[in-house]
Amino acid sequence: MHLVPADRAGHRTIDGHRVCEAIAAIGDTAHVRAWADRFALLAEPGRLALLLALHRTGPLAVSDLAVATGMRDPAVSQALRLLRAAGAVTGERDGRIVRYRLADPAIAELLVHGVLGQRD
């Protein structure tokens, strides 16, 4: 069981070779954390709606996103602040207007294959 970390080496296993395969499948914990964070962004319906709108249409302003999603402007702004901090969206200023767009290609793939691919 060459992949088992030293702090778990003394633990009893049933299928040691499968434990090593499982450890290899899990991979780097930072990578796992990054994907868990992406899924957490998608787990809230308002944020998911914003991401779907931005994925489908391209850059949109807060007020337009509010109308499209049925959310209030402050709720959209707060969600976009979180999405921007996570690197999922970016804002592009055009004078006084900021238009947001999807910036994370991994999230775009999740939307295409996970959410949009499930539509009837």
PDB file of N, CA and C in Angstrom:
ATOM      1  N   MET A   1       0.847  -1.177   0.000  1.00  0.00           N
ATOM      2  CA  MET A   1       0.000   0.000   0.000  1.00  0.00           C
ATOM      3  C   MET A   1       0.889   1.236   0.000  1.00  0.00           C
ATOM      4  N   HIS A   2       1.531   1.451  -1.107  1.00  0.00           N
ATOM      5  CA  HIS A   2       2.537   2.499  -1.221  1.00  0.00           C
ATOM      6  C   HIS A   2       1.967   3.916  -1.254  1.00  0.00           C
ATOM      7  N   LEU A   3       0.686   4.107  -1.563  1.00  0.00           N
ATOM      8  CA  LEU A   3       0.120   5.456  -1.640  1.00  0.00           C
ATOM      9  C   LEU A   3      -0.527   5.927  -0.342  1.00  0.00           C
ATOM     10  N   VAL A   4      -0.650   5.043   0.634  1.00  0.00           N
ATOM     11  CA  VAL A   4      -1.295   5.411   1.885  1.00  0.00           C
ATOM     12  C   VAL A   4      -0.380   6.351   2.663  1.00  0.00           C
ATOM     13  N   PRO A   5      -0.885   7.528   3.049  1.00  0.00           N
ATOM     14  CA  PRO A   5      -0.068   8.455   3.831  1.00  0.00           C
ATOM     15  C   PRO A   5       0.354   7.830   5.162  1.00  0.00           C
ATOM     16  N   ALA A   6       1.470   8.285   5.678  1.00  0.00           N
ATOM     17  CA  ALA A   6       2.038   7.721   6.901  1.00  0.00           C
ATOM     18  C   ALA A   6       1.063   7.781   8.063  1.00  0.00           C
ATOM     19  N   ASP A   7       0.260   8.837   8.149  1.00  0.00           N
ATOM     20  CA  ASP A   7      -0.671   8.959   9.276  1.00  0.00           C
ATOM     21  C   ASP A   7      -1.820   7.951   9.209  1.00  0.00           C
ATOM     22  N   ARG A   8      -1.990   7.270   8.053  1.00  0.00           N
ATOM     23  CA  ARG A   8      -3.047   6.260   7.906  1.00  0.00           C
ATOM     24  C   ARG A   8      -2.492   4.862   7.652  1.00  0.00           C
ATOM     25  N   ALA A   9      -1.187   4.724   7.651  1.00  0.00           N
ATOM     26  CA  ALA A   9      -0.547   3.451   7.297  1.00  0.00           C
ATOM     27  C   ALA A   9      -0.908   2.326   8.256  1.00  0.00           C
ATOM     28  N   GLY A  10      -1.178   2.619   9.497  1.00  0.00           N
ATOM     29  CA  GLY A  10      -1.502   1.586  10.470  1.00  0.00           C
ATOM     30  C   GLY A  10      -2.955   1.163  10.478  1.00  0.00           C
ATOM     31  N   HIS A  11      -3.789   1.794   9.674  1.00  0.00           N
ATOM     32  CA  HIS A  11      -5.213   1.472   9.653  1.00  0.00           C
ATOM     33  C   HIS A  11      -5.449   0.149   8.929  1.00  0.00           C
ATOM     34  N   ARG A  12      -6.404  -0.597   9.390  1.00  0.00           N
ATOM     35  CA  ARG A  12      -6.758  -1.881   8.788  1.00  0.00           C
ATOM     36  C   ARG A  12      -7.491  -1.632   7.470  1.00  0.00           C
ATOM     37  N   THR A  13      -7.150  -2.373   6.445  1.00  0.00           N
ATOM     38  CA  THR A  13      -7.834  -2.295   5.151  1.00  0.00           C
ATOM     39  C   THR A  13      -8.282  -3.693   4.743  1.00  0.00           C
ATOM     40  N   ILE A  14      -9.265  -3.767   3.899  1.00  0.00           N
ATOM     41  CA  ILE A  14      -9.758  -5.030   3.362  1.00  0.00           C
ATOM     42  C   ILE A  14      -9.106  -5.297   2.012  1.00  0.00           C
ATOM     43  N   ASP A  15      -9.151  -4.315   1.130  1.00  0.00           N
ATOM     44  CA  ASP A  15      -8.585  -4.433  -0.217  1.00  0.00           C
ATOM     45  C   ASP A  15      -7.536  -3.341  -0.408  1.00  0.00           C
ATOM     46  N   GLY A  16      -6.330  -3.607   0.048  1.00  0.00           N
ATOM     47  CA  GLY A  16      -5.259  -2.610   0.012  1.00  0.00           C
ATOM     48  C   GLY A  16      -4.988  -2.036  -1.359  1.00  0.00           C
ATOM     49  N   HIS A  17      -4.998  -2.903  -2.397  1.00  0.00           N
ATOM     50  CA  HIS A  17      -4.737  -2.389  -3.745  1.00  0.00           C
ATOM     51  C   HIS A  17      -5.823  -1.416  -4.193  1.00  0.00           C
ATOM     52  N   ARG A  18      -7.066  -1.650  -3.787  1.00  0.00           N
ATOM     53  CA  ARG A  18      -8.143  -0.735  -4.139  1.00  0.00           C
ATOM     54  C   ARG A  18      -8.043   0.568  -3.352  1.00  0.00           C
ATOM     55  N   VAL A  19      -7.527   0.490  -2.130  1.00  0.00           N
ATOM     56  CA  VAL A  19      -7.295   1.707  -1.352  1.00  0.00           C
ATOM     57  C   VAL A  19      -6.306   2.591  -2.097  1.00  0.00           C
ATOM     58  N   CYS A  20      -5.240   1.992  -2.614  1.00  0.00           N
ATOM     59  CA  CYS A  20      -4.245   2.769  -3.375  1.00  0.00           C
ATOM     60  C   CYS A  20      -4.861   3.354  -4.643  1.00  0.00           C
ATOM     61  N   GLU A  21      -5.704   2.578  -5.323  1.00  0.00           N
ATOM     62  CA  GLU A  21      -6.390   3.091  -6.514  1.00  0.00           C
ATOM     63  C   GLU A  21      -7.311   4.253  -6.152  1.00  0.00           C
ATOM     64  N   ALA A  22      -7.995   4.135  -5.008  1.00  0.00           N
ATOM     65  CA  ALA A  22      -8.889   5.208  -4.560  1.00  0.00           C
ATOM     66  C   ALA A  22      -8.100   6.466  -4.238  1.00  0.00           C
ATOM     67  N   ILE A  23      -6.963   6.307  -3.585  1.00  0.00           N
ATOM     68  CA  ILE A  23      -6.113   7.460  -3.265  1.00  0.00           C
ATOM     69  C   ILE A  23      -5.625   8.125  -4.544  1.00  0.00           C
ATOM     70  N   ALA A  24      -5.232   7.321  -5.529  1.00  0.00           N
ATOM     71  CA  ALA A  24      -4.782   7.871  -6.812  1.00  0.00           C
ATOM     72  C   ALA A  24      -5.929   8.597  -7.520  1.00  0.00           C
ATOM     73  N   ALA A  25      -7.151   8.035  -7.424  1.00  0.00           N
ATOM     74  CA  ALA A  25      -8.309   8.662  -8.077  1.00  0.00           C
ATOM     75  C   ALA A  25      -8.643   9.999  -7.439  1.00  0.00           C
ATOM     76  N   ILE A  26      -8.500  10.085  -6.123  1.00  0.00           N
ATOM     77  CA  ILE A  26      -8.783  11.334  -5.417  1.00  0.00           C
ATOM     78  C   ILE A  26      -7.766  12.395  -5.796  1.00  0.00           C
ATOM     79  N   GLY A  27      -6.523  12.030  -5.850  1.00  0.00           N
ATOM     80  CA  GLY A  27      -5.463  12.950  -6.266  1.00  0.00           C
ATOM     81  C   GLY A  27      -5.164  14.023  -5.234  1.00  0.00           C
ATOM     82  N   ASP A  28      -4.712  15.144  -5.729  1.00  0.00           N
ATOM     83  CA  ASP A  28      -4.289  16.264  -4.896  1.00  0.00           C
ATOM     84  C   ASP A  28      -5.480  16.873  -4.158  1.00  0.00           C
ATOM     85  N   THR A  29      -5.345  17.058  -2.860  1.00  0.00           N
ATOM     86  CA  THR A  29      -6.449  17.596  -2.061  1.00  0.00           C
ATOM     87  C   THR A  29      -6.792  19.038  -2.451  1.00  0.00           C
ATOM     88  N   ALA A  30      -5.829  19.804  -2.902  1.00  0.00           N
ATOM     89  CA  ALA A  30      -6.114  21.178  -3.338  1.00  0.00           C
ATOM     90  C   ALA A  30      -7.002  21.166  -4.587  1.00  0.00           C
ATOM     91  N   HIS A  31      -6.766  20.218  -5.465  1.00  0.00           N
ATOM     92  CA  HIS A  31      -7.586  20.078  -6.671  1.00  0.00           C
ATOM     93  C   HIS A  31      -9.016  19.685  -6.288  1.00  0.00           C
ATOM     94  N   VAL A  32      -9.135  18.760  -5.343  1.00  0.00           N
ATOM     95  CA  VAL A  32     -10.455  18.343  -4.864  1.00  0.00           C
ATOM     96  C   VAL A  32     -11.179  19.531  -4.244  1.00  0.00           C
ATOM     97  N   ARG A  33     -10.485  20.328  -3.441  1.00  0.00           N
ATOM     98  CA  ARG A  33     -11.079  21.503  -2.796  1.00  0.00           C
ATOM     99  C   ARG A  33     -11.556  22.509  -3.848  1.00  0.00           C
ATOM    100  N   ALA A  34     -10.751  22.726  -4.904  1.00  0.00           N
ATOM    101  CA  ALA A  34     -11.138  23.672  -5.951  1.00  0.00           C
ATOM    102  C   ALA A  34     -12.427  23.230  -6.637  1.00  0.00           C
ATOM    103  N   TRP A  35     -12.558  21.939  -6.913  1.00  0.00           N
ATOM    104  CA  TRP A  35     -13.783  21.445  -7.537  1.00  0.00           C
ATOM    105  C   TRP A  35     -14.958  21.506  -6.578  1.00  0.00           C
ATOM    106  N   ALA A  36     -14.734  21.212  -5.306  1.00  0.00           N
ATOM    107  CA  ALA A  36     -15.813  21.326  -4.315  1.00  0.00           C
ATOM    108  C   ALA A  36     -16.311  22.766  -4.239  1.00  0.00           C
ATOM    109  N   ASP A  37     -15.384  23.722  -4.305  1.00  0.00           N
ATOM    110  CA  ASP A  37     -15.768  25.134  -4.287  1.00  0.00           C
ATOM    111  C   ASP A  37     -16.596  25.498  -5.520  1.00  0.00           C
ATOM    112  N   ARG A  38     -16.230  24.953  -6.680  1.00  0.00           N
ATOM    113  CA  ARG A  38     -17.026  25.215  -7.888  1.00  0.00           C
ATOM    114  C   ARG A  38     -18.444  24.680  -7.728  1.00  0.00           C
ATOM    115  N   PHE A  39     -18.544  23.462  -7.220  1.00  0.00           N
ATOM    116  CA  PHE A  39     -19.872  22.886  -7.033  1.00  0.00           C
ATOM    117  C   PHE A  39     -20.676  23.689  -6.013  1.00  0.00           C
ATOM    118  N   ALA A  40     -20.014  24.226  -5.006  1.00  0.00           N
ATOM    119  CA  ALA A  40     -20.706  25.049  -4.012  1.00  0.00           C
ATOM    120  C   ALA A  40     -21.286  26.307  -4.666  1.00  0.00           C
ATOM    121  N   LEU A  41     -20.571  26.880  -5.622  1.00  0.00           N
ATOM    122  CA  LEU A  41     -21.092  28.052  -6.337  1.00  0.00           C
ATOM    123  C   LEU A  41     -22.366  27.702  -7.094  1.00  0.00           C
ATOM    124  N   LEU A  42     -22.415  26.495  -7.632  1.00  0.00           N
ATOM    125  CA  LEU A  42     -23.572  26.063  -8.412  1.00  0.00           C
ATOM    126  C   LEU A  42     -24.739  25.603  -7.537  1.00  0.00           C
ATOM    127  N   ALA A  43     -24.487  25.403  -6.257  1.00  0.00           N
ATOM    128  CA  ALA A  43     -25.486  24.805  -5.377  1.00  0.00           C
ATOM    129  C   ALA A  43     -26.600  25.770  -4.970  1.00  0.00           C
ATOM    130  N   GLU A  44     -26.414  27.050  -5.143  1.00  0.00           N
ATOM    131  CA  GLU A  44     -27.425  28.038  -4.758  1.00  0.00           C
ATOM    132  C   GLU A  44     -28.202  28.438  -6.018  1.00  0.00           C
ATOM    133  N   PRO A  45     -29.522  28.305  -6.010  1.00  0.00           N
ATOM    134  CA  PRO A  45     -30.309  28.547  -7.233  1.00  0.00           C
ATOM    135  C   PRO A  45     -30.110  29.916  -7.870  1.00  0.00           C
ATOM    136  N   GLY A  46     -29.985  30.963  -7.075  1.00  0.00           N
ATOM    137  CA  GLY A  46     -29.784  32.299  -7.649  1.00  0.00           C
ATOM    138  C   GLY A  46     -28.471  32.405  -8.401  1.00  0.00           C
ATOM    139  N   ARG A  47     -27.405  31.912  -7.785  1.00  0.00           N
ATOM    140  CA  ARG A  47     -26.097  31.943  -8.464  1.00  0.00           C
ATOM    141  C   ARG A  47     -26.111  31.078  -9.716  1.00  0.00           C
ATOM    142  N   LEU A  48     -26.741  29.916  -9.616  1.00  0.00           N
ATOM    143  CA  LEU A  48     -26.823  29.040 -10.784  1.00  0.00           C
ATOM    144  C   LEU A  48     -27.582  29.732 -11.914  1.00  0.00           C
ATOM    145  N   ALA A  49     -28.682  30.398 -11.587  1.00  0.00           N
ATOM    146  CA  ALA A  49     -29.451  31.120 -12.609  1.00  0.00           C
ATOM    147  C   ALA A  49     -28.598  32.208 -13.260  1.00  0.00           C
ATOM    148  N   LEU A  50     -27.842  32.936 -12.458  1.00  0.00           N
ATOM    149  CA  LEU A  50     -26.960  33.976 -13.015  1.00  0.00           C
ATOM    150  C   LEU A  50     -25.925  33.367 -13.952  1.00  0.00           C
ATOM    151  N   LEU A  51     -25.313  32.279 -13.528  1.00  0.00           N
ATOM    152  CA  LEU A  51     -24.295  31.630 -14.357  1.00  0.00           C
ATOM    153  C   LEU A  51     -24.896  31.101 -15.654  1.00  0.00           C
ATOM    154  N   LEU A  52     -26.085  30.526 -15.579  1.00  0.00           N
ATOM    155  CA  LEU A  52     -26.750  30.041 -16.792  1.00  0.00           C
ATOM    156  C   LEU A  52     -27.045  31.190 -17.753  1.00  0.00           C
ATOM    157  N   ALA A  53     -27.540  32.301 -17.217  1.00  0.00           N
ATOM    158  CA  ALA A  53     -27.844  33.464 -18.060  1.00  0.00           C
ATOM    159  C   ALA A  53     -26.587  33.995 -18.726  1.00  0.00           C
ATOM    160  N   LEU A  54     -25.519  34.121 -17.946  1.00  0.00           N
ATOM    161  CA  LEU A  54     -24.269  34.646 -18.497  1.00  0.00           C
ATOM    162  C   LEU A  54     -23.655  33.680 -19.504  1.00  0.00           C
ATOM    163  N   HIS A  55     -23.779  32.404 -19.245  1.00  0.00           N
ATOM    164  CA  HIS A  55     -23.237  31.412 -20.176  1.00  0.00           C
ATOM    165  C   HIS A  55     -23.964  31.479 -21.521  1.00  0.00           C
ATOM    166  N   ARG A  56     -25.278  31.636 -21.463  1.00  0.00           N
ATOM    167  CA  ARG A  56     -26.073  31.605 -22.689  1.00  0.00           C
ATOM    168  C   ARG A  56     -25.981  32.907 -23.480  1.00  0.00           C
ATOM    169  N   THR A  57     -25.946  34.049 -22.766  1.00  0.00           N
ATOM    170  CA  THR A  57     -26.081  35.327 -23.466  1.00  0.00           C
ATOM    171  C   THR A  57     -24.803  36.117 -23.601  1.00  0.00           C
ATOM    172  N   GLY A  58     -23.821  35.838 -22.747  1.00  0.00           N
ATOM    173  CA  GLY A  58     -22.637  36.681 -22.730  1.00  0.00           C
ATOM    174  C   GLY A  58     -22.817  37.807 -21.740  1.00  0.00           C
ATOM    175  N   PRO A  59     -22.028  38.868 -21.855  1.00  0.00           N
ATOM    176  CA  PRO A  59     -22.020  39.924 -20.841  1.00  0.00           C
ATOM    177  C   PRO A  59     -23.382  40.594 -20.637  1.00  0.00           C
ATOM    178  N   LEU A  60     -23.757  40.731 -19.355  1.00  0.00           N
ATOM    179  CA  LEU A  60     -24.993  41.414 -18.971  1.00  0.00           C
ATOM    180  C   LEU A  60     -24.746  42.277 -17.749  1.00  0.00           C
ATOM    181  N   ALA A  61     -25.481  43.372 -17.651  1.00  0.00           N
ATOM    182  CA  ALA A  61     -25.417  44.278 -16.505  1.00  0.00           C
ATOM    183  C   ALA A  61     -26.282  43.739 -15.372  1.00  0.00           C
ATOM    184  N   VAL A  62     -26.041  44.244 -14.171  1.00  0.00           N
ATOM    185  CA  VAL A  62     -26.769  43.810 -12.978  1.00  0.00           C
ATOM    186  C   VAL A  62     -28.275  43.945 -13.168  1.00  0.00           C
ATOM    187  N   SER A  63     -28.727  45.091 -13.647  1.00  0.00           N
ATOM    188  CA  SER A  63     -30.179  45.301 -13.793  1.00  0.00           C
ATOM    189  C   SER A  63     -30.786  44.321 -14.792  1.00  0.00           C
ATOM    190  N   ASP A  64     -30.074  44.025 -15.860  1.00  0.00           N
ATOM    191  CA  ASP A  64     -30.570  43.053 -16.842  1.00  0.00           C
ATOM    192  C   ASP A  64     -30.608  41.648 -16.249  1.00  0.00           C
ATOM    193  N   LEU A  65     -29.598  41.312 -15.471  1.00  0.00           N
ATOM    194  CA  LEU A  65     -29.578  40.009 -14.808  1.00  0.00           C
ATOM    195  C   LEU A  65     -30.711  39.894 -13.793  1.00  0.00           C
ATOM    196  N   ALA A  66     -31.010  40.984 -13.114  1.00  0.00           N
ATOM    197  CA  ALA A  66     -32.108  40.989 -12.144  1.00  0.00           C
ATOM    198  C   ALA A  66     -33.433  40.696 -12.835  1.00  0.00           C
ATOM    199  N   VAL A  67     -33.665  41.339 -13.964  1.00  0.00           N
ATOM    200  CA  VAL A  67     -34.903  41.103 -14.708  1.00  0.00           C
ATOM    201  C   VAL A  67     -34.946  39.657 -15.214  1.00  0.00           C
ATOM    202  N   ALA A  68     -33.838  39.182 -15.755  1.00  0.00           N
ATOM    203  CA  ALA A  68     -33.791  37.830 -16.325  1.00  0.00           C
ATOM    204  C   ALA A  68     -34.012  36.754 -15.273  1.00  0.00           C
ATOM    205  N   THR A  69     -33.470  36.940 -14.073  1.00  0.00           N
ATOM    206  CA  THR A  69     -33.534  35.903 -13.046  1.00  0.00           C
ATOM    207  C   THR A  69     -34.688  36.078 -12.072  1.00  0.00           C
ATOM    208  N   GLY A  70     -35.311  37.263 -12.041  1.00  0.00           N
ATOM    209  CA  GLY A  70     -36.358  37.528 -11.076  1.00  0.00           C
ATOM    210  C   GLY A  70     -35.813  37.893  -9.702  1.00  0.00           C
ATOM    211  N   MET A  71     -34.522  38.152  -9.623  1.00  0.00           N
ATOM    212  CA  MET A  71     -33.886  38.556  -8.366  1.00  0.00           C
ATOM    213  C   MET A  71     -33.898  40.079  -8.281  1.00  0.00           C
ATOM    214  N   ARG A  72     -33.699  40.601  -7.096  1.00  0.00           N
ATOM    215  CA  ARG A  72     -33.567  42.052  -6.916  1.00  0.00           C
ATOM    216  C   ARG A  72     -32.117  42.453  -7.199  1.00  0.00           C
ATOM    217  N   ASP A  73     -31.931  43.709  -7.624  1.00  0.00           N
ATOM    218  CA  ASP A  73     -30.595  44.210  -7.950  1.00  0.00           C
ATOM    219  C   ASP A  73     -29.574  43.961  -6.828  1.00  0.00           C
ATOM    220  N   PRO A  74     -29.886  44.255  -5.553  1.00  0.00           N
ATOM    221  CA  PRO A  74     -28.892  44.023  -4.495  1.00  0.00           C
ATOM    222  C   PRO A  74     -28.510  42.547  -4.351  1.00  0.00           C
ATOM    223  N   ALA A  75     -29.482  41.657  -4.540  1.00  0.00           N
ATOM    224  CA  ALA A  75     -29.184  40.222  -4.453  1.00  0.00           C
ATOM    225  C   ALA A  75     -28.280  39.784  -5.603  1.00  0.00           C
ATOM    226  N   VAL A  76     -28.545  40.328  -6.792  1.00  0.00           N
ATOM    227  CA  VAL A  76     -27.690  40.030  -7.946  1.00  0.00           C
ATOM    228  C   VAL A  76     -26.279  40.546  -7.685  1.00  0.00           C
ATOM    229  N   SER A  77     -26.166  41.771  -7.200  1.00  0.00           N
ATOM    230  CA  SER A  77     -24.846  42.350  -6.916  1.00  0.00           C
ATOM    231  C   SER A  77     -24.090  41.520  -5.894  1.00  0.00           C
ATOM    232  N   GLN A  78     -24.780  41.083  -4.852  1.00  0.00           N
ATOM    233  CA  GLN A  78     -24.126  40.282  -3.821  1.00  0.00           C
ATOM    234  C   GLN A  78     -23.664  38.936  -4.392  1.00  0.00           C
ATOM    235  N   ALA A  79     -24.496  38.284  -5.182  1.00  0.00           N
ATOM    236  CA  ALA A  79     -24.119  37.012  -5.789  1.00  0.00           C
ATOM    237  C   ALA A  79     -22.951  37.192  -6.751  1.00  0.00           C
ATOM    238  N   LEU A  80     -22.983  38.265  -7.536  1.00  0.00           N
ATOM    239  CA  LEU A  80     -21.890  38.528  -8.475  1.00  0.00           C
ATOM    240  C   LEU A  80     -20.583  38.827  -7.746  1.00  0.00           C
ATOM    241  N   ARG A  81     -20.672  39.475  -6.602  1.00  0.00           N
ATOM    242  CA  ARG A  81     -19.479  39.754  -5.806  1.00  0.00           C
ATOM    243  C   ARG A  81     -18.818  38.434  -5.393  1.00  0.00           C
ATOM    244  N   LEU A  82     -19.628  37.475  -4.951  1.00  0.00           N
ATOM    245  CA  LEU A  82     -19.118  36.164  -4.565  1.00  0.00           C
ATOM    246  C   LEU A  82     -18.563  35.414  -5.775  1.00  0.00           C
ATOM    247  N   LEU A  83     -19.289  35.440  -6.868  1.00  0.00           N
ATOM    248  CA  LEU A  83     -18.835  34.759  -8.082  1.00  0.00           C
ATOM    249  C   LEU A  83     -17.553  35.380  -8.635  1.00  0.00           C
ATOM    250  N   ARG A  84     -17.449  36.692  -8.531  1.00  0.00           N
ATOM    251  CA  ARG A  84     -16.234  37.384  -8.986  1.00  0.00           C
ATOM    252  C   ARG A  84     -15.050  37.018  -8.099  1.00  0.00           C
ATOM    253  N   ALA A  85     -15.257  36.985  -6.783  1.00  0.00           N
ATOM    254  CA  ALA A  85     -14.184  36.629  -5.851  1.00  0.00           C
ATOM    255  C   ALA A  85     -13.696  35.202  -6.091  1.00  0.00           C
ATOM    256  N   ALA A  86     -14.592  34.336  -6.535  1.00  0.00           N
ATOM    257  CA  ALA A  86     -14.227  32.942  -6.809  1.00  0.00           C
ATOM    258  C   ALA A  86     -13.617  32.766  -8.198  1.00  0.00           C
ATOM    259  N   GLY A  87     -13.602  33.825  -8.995  1.00  0.00           N
ATOM    260  CA  GLY A  87     -13.043  33.743 -10.342  1.00  0.00           C
ATOM    261  C   GLY A  87     -13.993  33.153 -11.361  1.00  0.00           C
ATOM    262  N   ALA A  88     -15.260  33.016 -10.996  1.00  0.00           N
ATOM    263  CA  ALA A  88     -16.240  32.437 -11.916  1.00  0.00           C
ATOM    264  C   ALA A  88     -16.718  33.442 -12.960  1.00  0.00           C
ATOM    265  N   VAL A  89     -16.778  34.722 -12.580  1.00  0.00           N
ATOM    266  CA  VAL A  89     -17.200  35.770 -13.506  1.00  0.00           C
ATOM    267  C   VAL A  89     -16.215  36.938 -13.425  1.00  0.00           C
ATOM    268  N   THR A  90     -16.231  37.747 -14.457  1.00  0.00           N
ATOM    269  CA  THR A  90     -15.474  38.998 -14.458  1.00  0.00           C
ATOM    270  C   THR A  90     -16.406  40.107 -14.920  1.00  0.00           C
ATOM    271  N   GLY A  91     -16.063  41.321 -14.526  1.00  0.00           N
ATOM    272  CA  GLY A  91     -16.841  42.481 -14.936  1.00  0.00           C
ATOM    273  C   GLY A  91     -16.056  43.316 -15.927  1.00  0.00           C
ATOM    274  N   GLU A  92     -16.761  43.814 -16.915  1.00  0.00           N
ATOM    275  CA  GLU A  92     -16.155  44.681 -17.933  1.00  0.00           C
ATOM    276  C   GLU A  92     -16.878  46.022 -17.898  1.00  0.00           C
ATOM    277  N   ARG A  93     -16.153  47.049 -17.559  1.00  0.00           N
ATOM    278  CA  ARG A  93     -16.744  48.377 -17.437  1.00  0.00           C
ATOM    279  C   ARG A  93     -16.882  49.023 -18.818  1.00  0.00           C
ATOM    280  N   ASP A  94     -18.059  49.608 -19.042  1.00  0.00           N
ATOM    281  CA  ASP A  94     -18.355  50.371 -20.253  1.00  0.00           C
ATOM    282  C   ASP A  94     -18.980  51.676 -19.789  1.00  0.00           C
ATOM    283  N   GLY A  95     -18.132  52.669 -19.499  1.00  0.00           N
ATOM    284  CA  GLY A  95     -18.616  53.913 -18.900  1.00  0.00           C
ATOM    285  C   GLY A  95     -19.068  53.635 -17.481  1.00  0.00           C
ATOM    286  N   ARG A  96     -20.335  53.923 -17.196  1.00  0.00           N
ATOM    287  CA  ARG A  96     -20.877  53.683 -15.851  1.00  0.00           C
ATOM    288  C   ARG A  96     -21.452  52.281 -15.681  1.00  0.00           C
ATOM    289  N   ILE A  97     -21.563  51.555 -16.765  1.00  0.00           N
ATOM    290  CA  ILE A  97     -22.181  50.224 -16.747  1.00  0.00           C
ATOM    291  C   ILE A  97     -21.083  49.163 -16.641  1.00  0.00           C
ATOM    292  N   VAL A  98     -21.316  48.182 -15.767  1.00  0.00           N
ATOM    293  CA  VAL A  98     -20.432  47.019 -15.683  1.00  0.00           C
ATOM    294  C   VAL A  98     -21.228  45.827 -16.182  1.00  0.00           C
ATOM    295  N   ARG A  99     -20.689  45.173 -17.193  1.00  0.00           N
ATOM    296  CA  ARG A  99     -21.312  43.963 -17.721  1.00  0.00           C
ATOM    297  C   ARG A  99     -20.479  42.769 -17.261  1.00  0.00           C
ATOM    298  N   TYR A 100     -21.157  41.756 -16.756  1.00  0.00           N
ATOM    299  CA  TYR A 100     -20.485  40.572 -16.224  1.00  0.00           C
ATOM    300  C   TYR A 100     -20.542  39.448 -17.249  1.00  0.00           C
ATOM    301  N   ARG A 101     -19.495  38.642 -17.240  1.00  0.00           N
ATOM    302  CA  ARG A 101     -19.442  37.487 -18.140  1.00  0.00           C
ATOM    303  C   ARG A 101     -18.843  36.310 -17.388  1.00  0.00           C
ATOM    304  N   LEU A 102     -19.146  35.121 -17.854  1.00  0.00           N
ATOM    305  CA  LEU A 102     -18.595  33.898 -17.285  1.00  0.00           C
ATOM    306  C   LEU A 102     -17.111  33.833 -17.607  1.00  0.00           C
ATOM    307  N   ALA A 103     -16.280  33.544 -16.610  1.00  0.00           N
ATOM    308  CA  ALA A 103     -14.833  33.557 -16.812  1.00  0.00           C
ATOM    309  C   ALA A 103     -14.174  32.204 -16.567  1.00  0.00           C
ATOM    310  N   ASP A 104     -14.861  31.272 -15.961  1.00  0.00           N
ATOM    311  CA  ASP A 104     -14.260  29.988 -15.610  1.00  0.00           C
ATOM    312  C   ASP A 104     -14.714  28.931 -16.619  1.00  0.00           C
ATOM    313  N   PRO A 105     -13.803  28.462 -17.480  1.00  0.00           N
ATOM    314  CA  PRO A 105     -14.197  27.477 -18.484  1.00  0.00           C
ATOM    315  C   PRO A 105     -14.669  26.154 -17.872  1.00  0.00           C
ATOM    316  N   ALA A 106     -14.164  25.807 -16.697  1.00  0.00           N
ATOM    317  CA  ALA A 106     -14.605  24.567 -16.050  1.00  0.00           C
ATOM    318  C   ALA A 106     -16.070  24.679 -15.644  1.00  0.00           C
ATOM    319  N   ILE A 107     -16.491  25.832 -15.167  1.00  0.00           N
ATOM    320  CA  ILE A 107     -17.902  26.028 -14.825  1.00  0.00           C
ATOM    321  C   ILE A 107     -18.749  26.013 -16.090  1.00  0.00           C
ATOM    322  N   ALA A 108     -18.249  26.593 -17.164  1.00  0.00           N
ATOM    323  CA  ALA A 108     -18.984  26.556 -18.432  1.00  0.00           C
ATOM    324  C   ALA A 108     -19.216  25.111 -18.868  1.00  0.00           C
ATOM    325  N   GLU A 109     -18.204  24.269 -18.723  1.00  0.00           N
ATOM    326  CA  GLU A 109     -18.344  22.849 -19.072  1.00  0.00           C
ATOM    327  C   GLU A 109     -19.372  22.160 -18.188  1.00  0.00           C
ATOM    328  N   LEU A 110     -19.341  22.466 -16.889  1.00  0.00           N
ATOM    329  CA  LEU A 110     -20.333  21.891 -15.976  1.00  0.00           C
ATOM    330  C   LEU A 110     -21.745  22.294 -16.386  1.00  0.00           C
ATOM    331  N   LEU A 111     -21.914  23.544 -16.775  1.00  0.00           N
ATOM    332  CA  LEU A 111     -23.232  24.023 -17.184  1.00  0.00           C
ATOM    333  C   LEU A 111     -23.706  23.303 -18.440  1.00  0.00           C
ATOM    334  N   VAL A 112     -22.818  23.147 -19.396  1.00  0.00           N
ATOM    335  CA  VAL A 112     -23.181  22.502 -20.653  1.00  0.00           C
ATOM    336  C   VAL A 112     -23.531  21.038 -20.436  1.00  0.00           C
ATOM    337  N   HIS A 113     -22.683  20.322 -19.729  1.00  0.00           N
ATOM    338  CA  HIS A 113     -22.876  18.879 -19.595  1.00  0.00           C
ATOM    339  C   HIS A 113     -23.791  18.495 -18.448  1.00  0.00           C
ATOM    340  N   GLY A 114     -23.842  19.329 -17.417  1.00  0.00           N
ATOM    341  CA  GLY A 114     -24.637  18.975 -16.251  1.00  0.00           C
ATOM    342  C   GLY A 114     -26.036  19.535 -16.282  1.00  0.00           C
ATOM    343  N   VAL A 115     -26.149  20.831 -16.465  1.00  0.00           N
ATOM    344  CA  VAL A 115     -27.456  21.487 -16.361  1.00  0.00           C
ATOM    345  C   VAL A 115     -28.122  21.588 -17.715  1.00  0.00           C
ATOM    346  N   LEU A 116     -27.459  22.152 -18.671  1.00  0.00           N
ATOM    347  CA  LEU A 116     -28.069  22.358 -19.980  1.00  0.00           C
ATOM    348  C   LEU A 116     -28.270  21.045 -20.723  1.00  0.00           C
ATOM    349  N   GLY A 117     -27.395  20.079 -20.477  1.00  0.00           N
ATOM    350  CA  GLY A 117     -27.515  18.781 -21.125  1.00  0.00           C
ATOM    351  C   GLY A 117     -28.697  17.979 -20.617  1.00  0.00           C
ATOM    352  N   GLN A 118     -29.279  18.363 -19.478  1.00  0.00           N
ATOM    353  CA  GLN A 118     -30.392  17.642 -18.871  1.00  0.00           C
ATOM    354  C   GLN A 118     -31.753  18.211 -19.263  1.00  0.00           C
ATOM    355  N   ARG A 119     -31.769  19.263 -20.043  1.00  0.00           N
ATOM    356  CA  ARG A 119     -33.052  19.873 -20.418  1.00  0.00           C
ATOM    357  C   ARG A 119     -33.766  19.005 -21.444  1.00  0.00           C
ATOM    358  N   ASP A 120     -35.053  19.056 -21.391  1.00  0.00           N
ATOM    359  CA  ASP A 120     -35.868  18.308 -22.374  1.00  0.00           C
ATOM    360  C   ASP A 120     -36.002  19.072 -23.656  1.00  0.00           C
TER     361      ASP A 120
END
